[in-house]
Amino acid sequence: MQVRQILGKIIALLLTMQLFLIGFQAKSQIDQGNSSIEALIWMTQQYISVLVKIRSLQDKHSPKLKSKR
């Protein structure tokens, strides 16, 4: 059980880092001359894919929550 908790925390950390890097890359795009709106649209698309990953992992590892919905 402890191994699962550790893996869950590592996955959460990696997903958090991915979100941070998406924001950093959007800032770089703006610095390179892309419009803020283009960067925001790109960033939103990237965030959605990460949030879908998070949701699927949550559903996969939390069947108890699924039955309560």
Protein backbone atom coordinates (compact mmCIF):
# COMPACT_ATOMS: atom_id res chain seq x y z
CA MET A 1 0.00 0.00 0.00
CA GLN A 2 2.87 2.38 0.77
CA VAL A 3 4.35 1.86 -2.67
CA ARG A 4 1.07 2.99 -4.25
CA GLN A 5 1.04 6.13 -2.12
CA ILE A 6 4.61 6.95 -3.09
CA LEU A 7 3.86 6.34 -6.77
CA GLY A 8 0.77 8.51 -6.50
CA LYS A 9 2.82 11.34 -5.02
CA ILE A 10 5.48 10.99 -7.71
CA ILE A 11 2.82 11.09 -10.44
CA ALA A 12 1.25 14.16 -8.84
CA LEU A 13 4.64 15.86 -8.69
CA LEU A 14 5.38 15.06 -12.34
CA LEU A 15 2.00 16.35 -13.48
CA THR A 16 2.52 19.53 -11.47
CA MET A 17 5.92 19.99 -13.09
CA GLN A 18 4.32 19.46 -16.50
CA LEU A 19 1.78 22.21 -15.78
CA PHE A 20 4.56 24.54 -14.66
CA LEU A 21 6.58 23.83 -17.80
CA ILE A 22 3.54 24.51 -19.99
CA GLY A 23 3.25 27.95 -18.40
CA PHE A 24 6.96 28.56 -18.82
CA GLN A 25 6.83 27.54 -22.48
CA ALA A 26 3.84 29.86 -23.08
CA LYS A 27 5.85 32.71 -21.58
CA SER A 28 8.70 31.86 -23.94
CA GLN A 29 6.31 31.93 -26.89
CA ILE A 30 5.17 35.42 -25.91
CA ASP A 31 8.79 36.52 -25.52
CA GLN A 32 9.51 35.22 -29.03
CA GLY A 33 6.80 37.42 -30.50
CA ASN A 34 3.67 35.30 -30.49
CA SER A 35 0.56 37.11 -29.41
CA SER A 36 -0.69 36.62 -25.87
CA ILE A 37 -3.96 35.22 -27.18
CA GLU A 38 -2.17 32.58 -29.29
CA ALA A 39 -0.07 31.59 -26.30
CA LEU A 40 -3.13 31.44 -24.07
CA ILE A 41 -5.01 29.24 -26.54
CA TRP A 42 -2.01 26.93 -26.87
CA MET A 43 -1.58 26.81 -23.10
CA THR A 44 -5.26 26.01 -22.56
CA GLN A 45 -5.07 23.13 -25.05
CA GLN A 46 -2.03 21.75 -23.25
CA TYR A 47 -3.67 22.09 -19.82
CA ILE A 48 -6.77 20.26 -21.02
CA SER A 49 -4.73 17.22 -22.06
CA VAL A 50 -2.98 17.16 -18.68
CA LEU A 51 -6.28 17.49 -16.83
CA VAL A 52 -7.71 14.60 -18.86
CA LYS A 53 -4.71 12.49 -17.79
CA ILE A 54 -5.28 13.46 -14.17
CA ARG A 55 -8.97 12.60 -14.39
CA SER A 56 -8.31 9.19 -15.95
CA LEU A 57 -5.73 8.39 -13.29
CA GLN A 58 -8.15 9.51 -10.61
CA ASP A 59 -10.92 7.30 -11.99
CA LYS A 60 -8.54 4.37 -12.37
CA HIS A 61 -7.24 4.51 -8.81
CA SER A 62 -10.39 5.59 -6.99
CA PRO A 63 -13.20 3.16 -7.76
CA LYS A 64 -14.81 4.05 -4.42
CA LEU A 65 -15.34 7.65 -5.54
CA LYS A 66 -16.75 6.47 -8.85
CA SER A 67 -19.52 4.46 -7.19
CA LYS A 68 -20.56 7.44 -5.03
CA ARG A 69 -21.25 9.70 -8.03
